[in-house]
Amino acid sequence: ALTWFFWLVSGRPDVEDKIVGEIRTVRAASQG
């Protein structure tokens, strides 16, 4: 599942940006 996921996302920078944005939002909310 993750092999095909990494390949699909590598061709979709817009999807990658949304994933990274969500990760950073969650990380920021849990700081401390």
PDB file of all heavy atoms in Angstrom:
ATOM      1  N   ALA A   1       0.827  -1.209   0.000  1.00  0.00           N
ATOM      2  CA  ALA A   1       0.000   0.000   0.000  1.00  0.00           C
ATOM      3  C   ALA A   1       0.861   1.260   0.000  1.00  0.00           C
ATOM      4  O   ALA A   1       0.616   2.198  -0.771  1.00  0.00           O
ATOM      5  CB  ALA A   1      -0.927  -0.013   1.216  1.00  0.00           C
ATOM      6  N   LEU A   2       1.896   1.289   0.836  1.00  0.00           N
ATOM      7  CA  LEU A   2       2.715   2.497   0.948  1.00  0.00           C
ATOM      8  C   LEU A   2       3.646   2.682  -0.246  1.00  0.00           C
ATOM      9  O   LEU A   2       3.989   3.818  -0.592  1.00  0.00           O
ATOM     10  CB  LEU A   2       3.518   2.468   2.248  1.00  0.00           C
ATOM     11  CG  LEU A   2       2.715   2.742   3.512  1.00  0.00           C
ATOM     12  CD1 LEU A   2       3.626   2.743   4.738  1.00  0.00           C
ATOM     13  CD2 LEU A   2       1.976   4.080   3.423  1.00  0.00           C
ATOM     14  N   THR A   3       4.051   1.609  -0.871  1.00  0.00           N
ATOM     15  CA  THR A   3       4.885   1.747  -2.075  1.00  0.00           C
ATOM     16  C   THR A   3       4.137   2.534  -3.143  1.00  0.00           C
ATOM     17  O   THR A   3       4.661   3.509  -3.708  1.00  0.00           O
ATOM     18  CB  THR A   3       5.280   0.359  -2.626  1.00  0.00           C
ATOM     19  OG1 THR A   3       6.120  -0.309  -1.677  1.00  0.00           O
ATOM     20  CG2 THR A   3       6.034   0.485  -3.948  1.00  0.00           C
ATOM     21  N   TRP A   4       2.904   2.154  -3.408  1.00  0.00           N
ATOM     22  CA  TRP A   4       2.112   2.861  -4.421  1.00  0.00           C
ATOM     23  C   TRP A   4       1.730   4.265  -3.941  1.00  0.00           C
ATOM     24  O   TRP A   4       1.650   5.199  -4.749  1.00  0.00           O
ATOM     25  CB  TRP A   4       0.871   2.045  -4.776  1.00  0.00           C
ATOM     26  CG  TRP A   4       1.218   0.791  -5.501  1.00  0.00           C
ATOM     27  CD1 TRP A   4       1.275  -0.481  -5.003  1.00  0.00           C
ATOM     28  CD2 TRP A   4       1.629   0.694  -6.873  1.00  0.00           C
ATOM     29  NE1 TRP A   4       1.675  -1.362  -5.967  1.00  0.00           N
ATOM     30  CE2 TRP A   4       1.902  -0.683  -7.131  1.00  0.00           C
ATOM     31  CE3 TRP A   4       1.785   1.608  -7.909  1.00  0.00           C
ATOM     32  CZ2 TRP A   4       2.315  -1.135  -8.376  1.00  0.00           C
ATOM     33  CZ3 TRP A   4       2.198   1.152  -9.159  1.00  0.00           C
ATOM     34  CH2 TRP A   4       2.461  -0.200  -9.379  1.00  0.00           C
ATOM     35  N   PHE A   5       1.539   4.428  -2.636  1.00  0.00           N
ATOM     36  CA  PHE A   5       1.241   5.749  -2.084  1.00  0.00           C
ATOM     37  C   PHE A   5       2.399   6.722  -2.339  1.00  0.00           C
ATOM     38  O   PHE A   5       2.189   7.839  -2.819  1.00  0.00           O
ATOM     39  CB  PHE A   5       0.969   5.632  -0.584  1.00  0.00           C
ATOM     40  CG  PHE A   5       0.825   6.961   0.113  1.00  0.00           C
ATOM     41  CD1 PHE A   5      -0.388   7.621   0.131  1.00  0.00           C
ATOM     42  CD2 PHE A   5       1.915   7.562   0.744  1.00  0.00           C
ATOM     43  CE1 PHE A   5      -0.524   8.855   0.766  1.00  0.00           C
ATOM     44  CE2 PHE A   5       1.783   8.783   1.380  1.00  0.00           C
ATOM     45  CZ  PHE A   5       0.567   9.433   1.386  1.00  0.00           C
ATOM     46  N   PHE A   6       3.628   6.319  -2.013  1.00  0.00           N
ATOM     47  CA  PHE A   6       4.785   7.187  -2.220  1.00  0.00           C
ATOM     48  C   PHE A   6       4.927   7.555  -3.697  1.00  0.00           C
ATOM     49  O   PHE A   6       5.259   8.694  -4.033  1.00  0.00           O
ATOM     50  CB  PHE A   6       6.059   6.503  -1.715  1.00  0.00           C
ATOM     51  CG  PHE A   6       6.355   6.749  -0.267  1.00  0.00           C
ATOM     52  CD1 PHE A   6       5.695   6.039   0.727  1.00  0.00           C
ATOM     53  CD2 PHE A   6       7.296   7.691   0.119  1.00  0.00           C
ATOM     54  CE1 PHE A   6       5.964   6.257   2.066  1.00  0.00           C
ATOM     55  CE2 PHE A   6       7.578   7.922   1.459  1.00  0.00           C
ATOM     56  CZ  PHE A   6       6.915   7.209   2.439  1.00  0.00           C
ATOM     57  N   TRP A   7       4.667   6.593  -4.573  1.00  0.00           N
ATOM     58  CA  TRP A   7       4.777   6.880  -6.009  1.00  0.00           C
ATOM     59  C   TRP A   7       3.687   7.858  -6.460  1.00  0.00           C
ATOM     60  O   TRP A   7       3.978   8.827  -7.176  1.00  0.00           O
ATOM     61  CB  TRP A   7       4.685   5.587  -6.816  1.00  0.00           C
ATOM     62  CG  TRP A   7       4.643   5.839  -8.287  1.00  0.00           C
ATOM     63  CD1 TRP A   7       5.661   6.259  -9.083  1.00  0.00           C
ATOM     64  CD2 TRP A   7       3.481   5.719  -9.138  1.00  0.00           C
ATOM     65  NE1 TRP A   7       5.229   6.408 -10.389  1.00  0.00           N
ATOM     66  CE2 TRP A   7       3.907   6.082 -10.444  1.00  0.00           C
ATOM     67  CE3 TRP A   7       2.160   5.330  -8.929  1.00  0.00           C
ATOM     68  CZ2 TRP A   7       3.021   6.076 -11.532  1.00  0.00           C
ATOM     69  CZ3 TRP A   7       1.292   5.319 -10.012  1.00  0.00           C
ATOM     70  CH2 TRP A   7       1.715   5.690 -11.293  1.00  0.00           C
ATOM     71  N   LEU A   8       2.462   7.662  -6.045  1.00  0.00           N
ATOM     72  CA  LEU A   8       1.367   8.543  -6.436  1.00  0.00           C
ATOM     73  C   LEU A   8       1.589   9.970  -5.938  1.00  0.00           C
ATOM     74  O   LEU A   8       1.416  10.936  -6.684  1.00  0.00           O
ATOM     75  CB  LEU A   8       0.044   7.998  -5.900  1.00  0.00           C
ATOM     76  CG  LEU A   8      -0.571   6.810  -6.648  1.00  0.00           C
ATOM     77  CD1 LEU A   8      -1.692   6.179  -5.836  1.00  0.00           C
ATOM     78  CD2 LEU A   8      -1.074   7.223  -8.024  1.00  0.00           C
ATOM     79  N   VAL A   9       1.970  10.112  -4.686  1.00  0.00           N
ATOM     80  CA  VAL A   9       2.161  11.446  -4.111  1.00  0.00           C
ATOM     81  C   VAL A   9       3.340  12.165  -4.767  1.00  0.00           C
ATOM     82  O   VAL A   9       3.310  13.394  -4.928  1.00  0.00           O
ATOM     83  CB  VAL A   9       2.358  11.358  -2.580  1.00  0.00           C
ATOM     84  CG1 VAL A   9       2.722  12.726  -1.994  1.00  0.00           C
ATOM     85  CG2 VAL A   9       1.084  10.831  -1.913  1.00  0.00           C
ATOM     86  N   SER A  10       4.368  11.403  -5.202  1.00  0.00           N
ATOM     87  CA  SER A  10       5.529  12.039  -5.834  1.00  0.00           C
ATOM     88  C   SER A  10       5.140  12.777  -7.117  1.00  0.00           C
ATOM     89  O   SER A  10       5.828  13.712  -7.531  1.00  0.00           O
ATOM     90  CB  SER A  10       6.606  10.998  -6.142  1.00  0.00           C
ATOM     91  OG  SER A  10       6.197  10.132  -7.189  1.00  0.00           O
ATOM     92  N   GLY A  11       4.040  12.376  -7.734  1.00  0.00           N
ATOM     93  CA  GLY A  11       3.583  13.035  -8.949  1.00  0.00           C
ATOM     94  C   GLY A  11       2.502  14.071  -8.712  1.00  0.00           C
ATOM     95  O   GLY A  11       1.981  14.657  -9.669  1.00  0.00           O
ATOM     96  N   ARG A  12       2.164  14.300  -7.434  1.00  0.00           N
ATOM     97  CA  ARG A  12       1.112  15.256  -7.089  1.00  0.00           C
ATOM     98  C   ARG A  12       1.585  16.189  -5.984  1.00  0.00           C
ATOM     99  O   ARG A  12       1.260  16.007  -4.812  1.00  0.00           O
ATOM    100  CB  ARG A  12      -0.148  14.497  -6.661  1.00  0.00           C
ATOM    101  CG  ARG A  12      -0.865  13.771  -7.787  1.00  0.00           C
ATOM    102  CD  ARG A  12      -1.557  14.757  -8.726  1.00  0.00           C
ATOM    103  NE  ARG A  12      -2.494  15.587  -8.013  1.00  0.00           N
ATOM    104  CZ  ARG A  12      -3.761  15.235  -7.748  1.00  0.00           C
ATOM    105  NH1 ARG A  12      -4.216  14.058  -8.162  1.00  0.00           N
ATOM    106  NH2 ARG A  12      -4.555  16.059  -7.100  1.00  0.00           N
ATOM    107  N   PRO A  13       2.378  17.220  -6.324  1.00  0.00           N
ATOM    108  CA  PRO A  13       2.871  18.149  -5.293  1.00  0.00           C
ATOM    109  C   PRO A  13       1.755  18.843  -4.530  1.00  0.00           C
ATOM    110  O   PRO A  13       1.946  19.222  -3.367  1.00  0.00           O
ATOM    111  CB  PRO A  13       3.720  19.141  -6.091  1.00  0.00           C
ATOM    112  CG  PRO A  13       3.312  18.973  -7.522  1.00  0.00           C
ATOM    113  CD  PRO A  13       2.890  17.557  -7.661  1.00  0.00           C
ATOM    114  N   ASP A  14       0.577  19.018  -5.153  1.00  0.00           N
ATOM    115  CA  ASP A  14      -0.533  19.651  -4.440  1.00  0.00           C
ATOM    116  C   ASP A  14      -1.017  18.778  -3.289  1.00  0.00           C
ATOM    117  O   ASP A  14      -1.320  19.271  -2.197  1.00  0.00           O
ATOM    118  CB  ASP A  14      -1.678  19.951  -5.412  1.00  0.00           C
ATOM    119  CG  ASP A  14      -2.188  18.700  -6.116  1.00  0.00           C
ATOM    120  OD1 ASP A  14      -1.363  17.833  -6.494  1.00  0.00           O
ATOM    121  OD2 ASP A  14      -3.423  18.577  -6.294  1.00  0.00           O
ATOM    122  N   VAL A  15      -1.074  17.462  -3.534  1.00  0.00           N
ATOM    123  CA  VAL A  15      -1.476  16.529  -2.478  1.00  0.00           C
ATOM    124  C   VAL A  15      -0.406  16.490  -1.387  1.00  0.00           C
ATOM    125  O   VAL A  15      -0.714  16.496  -0.188  1.00  0.00           O
ATOM    126  CB  VAL A  15      -1.721  15.119  -3.061  1.00  0.00           C
ATOM    127  CG1 VAL A  15      -1.928  14.099  -1.939  1.00  0.00           C
ATOM    128  CG2 VAL A  15      -2.918  15.132  -4.002  1.00  0.00           C
ATOM    129  N   GLU A  16       0.847  16.473  -1.812  1.00  0.00           N
ATOM    130  CA  GLU A  16       1.944  16.448  -0.842  1.00  0.00           C
ATOM    131  C   GLU A  16       1.892  17.676   0.069  1.00  0.00           C
ATOM    132  O   GLU A  16       2.074  17.571   1.290  1.00  0.00           O
ATOM    133  CB  GLU A  16       3.283  16.391  -1.567  1.00  0.00           C
ATOM    134  CG  GLU A  16       4.489  16.338  -0.639  1.00  0.00           C
ATOM    135  CD  GLU A  16       5.803  16.279  -1.394  1.00  0.00           C
ATOM    136  OE1 GLU A  16       5.783  16.155  -2.637  1.00  0.00           O
ATOM    137  OE2 GLU A  16       6.862  16.365  -0.733  1.00  0.00           O
ATOM    138  N   ASP A  17       1.650  18.834  -0.507  1.00  0.00           N
ATOM    139  CA  ASP A  17       1.579  20.063   0.287  1.00  0.00           C
ATOM    140  C   ASP A  17       0.471  19.996   1.340  1.00  0.00           C
ATOM    141  O   ASP A  17       0.641  20.449   2.483  1.00  0.00           O
ATOM    142  CB  ASP A  17       1.352  21.274  -0.613  1.00  0.00           C
ATOM    143  CG  ASP A  17       2.596  21.665  -1.404  1.00  0.00           C
ATOM    144  OD1 ASP A  17       3.682  21.144  -1.090  1.00  0.00           O
ATOM    145  OD2 ASP A  17       2.473  22.503  -2.333  1.00  0.00           O
ATOM    146  N   LYS A  18      -0.671  19.443   0.967  1.00  0.00           N
ATOM    147  CA  LYS A  18      -1.790  19.333   1.919  1.00  0.00           C
ATOM    148  C   LYS A  18      -1.459  18.352   3.039  1.00  0.00           C
ATOM    149  O   LYS A  18      -1.817  18.586   4.205  1.00  0.00           O
ATOM    150  CB  LYS A  18      -3.055  18.910   1.182  1.00  0.00           C
ATOM    151  CG  LYS A  18      -3.604  19.981   0.243  1.00  0.00           C
ATOM    152  CD  LYS A  18      -4.823  19.471  -0.518  1.00  0.00           C
ATOM    153  CE  LYS A  18      -5.328  20.530  -1.501  1.00  0.00           C
ATOM    154  NZ  LYS A  18      -6.484  20.050  -2.304  1.00  0.00           N
ATOM    155  N   ILE A  19      -0.776  17.271   2.692  1.00  0.00           N
ATOM    156  CA  ILE A  19      -0.389  16.294   3.713  1.00  0.00           C
ATOM    157  C   ILE A  19       0.591  16.926   4.698  1.00  0.00           C
ATOM    158  O   ILE A  19       0.422  16.837   5.922  1.00  0.00           O
ATOM    159  CB  ILE A  19       0.235  15.045   3.060  1.00  0.00           C
ATOM    160  CG1 ILE A  19      -0.819  14.261   2.276  1.00  0.00           C
ATOM    161  CG2 ILE A  19       0.877  14.144   4.121  1.00  0.00           C
ATOM    162  CD1 ILE A  19      -0.244  13.120   1.450  1.00  0.00           C
ATOM    163  N   VAL A  20       1.612  17.580   4.162  1.00  0.00           N
ATOM    164  CA  VAL A  20       2.621  18.205   5.022  1.00  0.00           C
ATOM    165  C   VAL A  20       1.996  19.314   5.867  1.00  0.00           C
ATOM    166  O   VAL A  20       2.308  19.461   7.057  1.00  0.00           O
ATOM    167  CB  VAL A  20       3.789  18.758   4.172  1.00  0.00           C
ATOM    168  CG1 VAL A  20       4.781  19.520   5.046  1.00  0.00           C
ATOM    169  CG2 VAL A  20       4.503  17.616   3.444  1.00  0.00           C
ATOM    170  N   GLY A  21       1.103  20.092   5.259  1.00  0.00           N
ATOM    171  CA  GLY A  21       0.428  21.148   6.015  1.00  0.00           C
ATOM    172  C   GLY A  21      -0.353  20.594   7.183  1.00  0.00           C
ATOM    173  O   GLY A  21      -0.339  21.151   8.296  1.00  0.00           O
ATOM    174  N   GLU A  22      -1.062  19.489   6.968  1.00  0.00           N
ATOM    175  CA  GLU A  22      -1.836  18.872   8.044  1.00  0.00           C
ATOM    176  C   GLU A  22      -0.912  18.335   9.137  1.00  0.00           C
ATOM    177  O   GLU A  22      -1.200  18.491  10.342  1.00  0.00           O
ATOM    178  CB  GLU A  22      -2.697  17.743   7.491  1.00  0.00           C
ATOM    179  CG  GLU A  22      -3.556  17.050   8.539  1.00  0.00           C
ATOM    180  CD  GLU A  22      -4.437  15.973   7.941  1.00  0.00           C
ATOM    181  OE1 GLU A  22      -3.891  14.959   7.447  1.00  0.00           O
ATOM    182  OE2 GLU A  22      -5.669  16.136   7.968  1.00  0.00           O
ATOM    183  N   ILE A  23       0.193  17.707   8.733  1.00  0.00           N
ATOM    184  CA  ILE A  23       1.146  17.175   9.713  1.00  0.00           C
ATOM    185  C   ILE A  23       1.675  18.294  10.602  1.00  0.00           C
ATOM    186  O   ILE A  23       1.742  18.167  11.828  1.00  0.00           O
ATOM    187  CB  ILE A  23       2.309  16.465   8.991  1.00  0.00           C
ATOM    188  CG1 ILE A  23       1.803  15.196   8.288  1.00  0.00           C
ATOM    189  CG2 ILE A  23       3.428  16.105   9.973  1.00  0.00           C
ATOM    190  CD1 ILE A  23       2.808  14.585   7.333  1.00  0.00           C
ATOM    191  N   ARG A  24       2.021  19.426   9.996  1.00  0.00           N
ATOM    192  CA  ARG A  24       2.564  20.546  10.765  1.00  0.00           C
ATOM    193  C   ARG A  24       1.512  21.168  11.677  1.00  0.00           C
ATOM    194  O   ARG A  24       1.809  21.609  12.793  1.00  0.00           O
ATOM    195  CB  ARG A  24       3.134  21.592   9.807  1.00  0.00           C
ATOM    196  CG  ARG A  24       4.394  21.109   9.101  1.00  0.00           C
ATOM    197  CD  ARG A  24       4.923  22.138   8.124  1.00  0.00           C
ATOM    198  NE  ARG A  24       6.173  21.699   7.534  1.00  0.00           N
ATOM    199  CZ  ARG A  24       6.802  22.337   6.551  1.00  0.00           C
ATOM    200  NH1 ARG A  24       6.274  23.444   6.035  1.00  0.00           N
ATOM    201  NH2 ARG A  24       7.944  21.880   6.066  1.00  0.00           N
ATOM    202  N   THR A  25       0.277  21.199  11.221  1.00  0.00           N
ATOM    203  CA  THR A  25      -0.808  21.729  12.051  1.00  0.00           C
ATOM    204  C   THR A  25      -1.003  20.872  13.291  1.00  0.00           C
ATOM    205  O   THR A  25      -1.151  21.387  14.408  1.00  0.00           O
ATOM    206  CB  THR A  25      -2.121  21.792  11.239  1.00  0.00           C
ATOM    207  OG1 THR A  25      -1.946  22.671  10.132  1.00  0.00           O
ATOM    208  CG2 THR A  25      -3.269  22.272  12.103  1.00  0.00           C
ATOM    209  N   VAL A  26      -1.011  19.555  13.098  1.00  0.00           N
ATOM    210  CA  VAL A  26      -1.166  18.636  14.236  1.00  0.00           C
ATOM    211  C   VAL A  26       0.025  18.750  15.177  1.00  0.00           C
ATOM    212  O   VAL A  26      -0.135  18.765  16.404  1.00  0.00           O
ATOM    213  CB  VAL A  26      -1.335  17.185  13.733  1.00  0.00           C
ATOM    214  CG1 VAL A  26      -1.257  16.199  14.895  1.00  0.00           C
ATOM    215  CG2 VAL A  26      -2.660  17.023  12.993  1.00  0.00           C
ATOM    216  N   ARG A  27       1.217  18.851  14.611  1.00  0.00           N
ATOM    217  CA  ARG A  27       2.426  18.968  15.440  1.00  0.00           C
ATOM    218  C   ARG A  27       2.379  20.266  16.261  1.00  0.00           C
ATOM    219  O   ARG A  27       2.692  20.269  17.452  1.00  0.00           O
ATOM    220  CB  ARG A  27       3.667  18.937  14.564  1.00  0.00           C
ATOM    221  CG  ARG A  27       4.976  19.080  15.322  1.00  0.00           C
ATOM    222  CD  ARG A  27       5.261  17.861  16.168  1.00  0.00           C
ATOM    223  NE  ARG A  27       5.893  16.804  15.403  1.00  0.00           N
ATOM    224  CZ  ARG A  27       6.161  15.590  15.886  1.00  0.00           C
ATOM    225  NH1 ARG A  27       5.831  15.295  17.136  1.00  0.00           N
ATOM    226  NH2 ARG A  27       6.735  14.676  15.141  1.00  0.00           N
ATOM    227  N   ALA A  28       1.986  21.344  15.617  1.00  0.00           N
ATOM    228  CA  ALA A  28       1.931  22.633  16.312  1.00  0.00           C
ATOM    229  C   ALA A  28       0.901  22.612  17.440  1.00  0.00           C
ATOM    230  O   ALA A  28       1.112  23.188  18.514  1.00  0.00           O
ATOM    231  CB  ALA A  28       1.605  23.745  15.323  1.00  0.00           C
ATOM    232  N   ALA A  29      -0.229  21.940  17.200  1.00  0.00           N
ATOM    233  CA  ALA A  29      -1.291  21.895  18.200  1.00  0.00           C
ATOM    234  C   ALA A  29      -0.888  21.096  19.431  1.00  0.00           C
ATOM    235  O   ALA A  29      -1.434  21.310  20.524  1.00  0.00           O
ATOM    236  CB  ALA A  29      -2.553  21.288  17.586  1.00  0.00           C
ATOM    237  N   SER A  30       0.070  20.188  19.266  1.00  0.00           N
ATOM    238  CA  SER A  30       0.472  19.330  20.390  1.00  0.00           C
ATOM    239  C   SER A  30       1.765  19.785  21.046  1.00  0.00           C
ATOM    240  O   SER A  30       2.281  19.101  21.936  1.00  0.00           O
ATOM    241  CB  SER A  30       0.622  17.884  19.916  1.00  0.00           C
ATOM    242  OG  SER A  30       1.670  17.783  18.957  1.00  0.00           O
ATOM    243  N   GLN A  31       2.322  20.899  20.598  1.00  0.00           N
ATOM    244  CA  GLN A  31       3.562  21.393  21.200  1.00  0.00           C
ATOM    245  C   GLN A  31       3.370  21.615  22.697  1.00  0.00           C
ATOM    246  O   GLN A  31       2.426  22.250  23.137  1.00  0.00           O
ATOM    247  CB  GLN A  31       3.984  22.717  20.542  1.00  0.00           C
ATOM    248  CG  GLN A  31       4.506  22.566  19.120  1.00  0.00           C
ATOM    249  CD  GLN A  31       5.810  21.775  19.045  1.00  0.00           C
ATOM    250  OE1 GLN A  31       6.570  21.720  19.998  1.00  0.00           O
ATOM    251  NE2 GLN A  31       6.050  21.174  17.899  1.00  0.00           N
ATOM    252  N   GLY A  32       4.292  21.059  23.453  1.00  0.00           N
ATOM    253  CA  GLY A  32       4.230  21.210  24.900  1.00  0.00           C
ATOM    254  C   GLY A  32       3.428  20.139  25.601  1.00  0.00           C
ATOM    255  O   GLY A  32       3.519  19.972  26.809  1.00  0.00           O
TER     256      GLY A  32
END
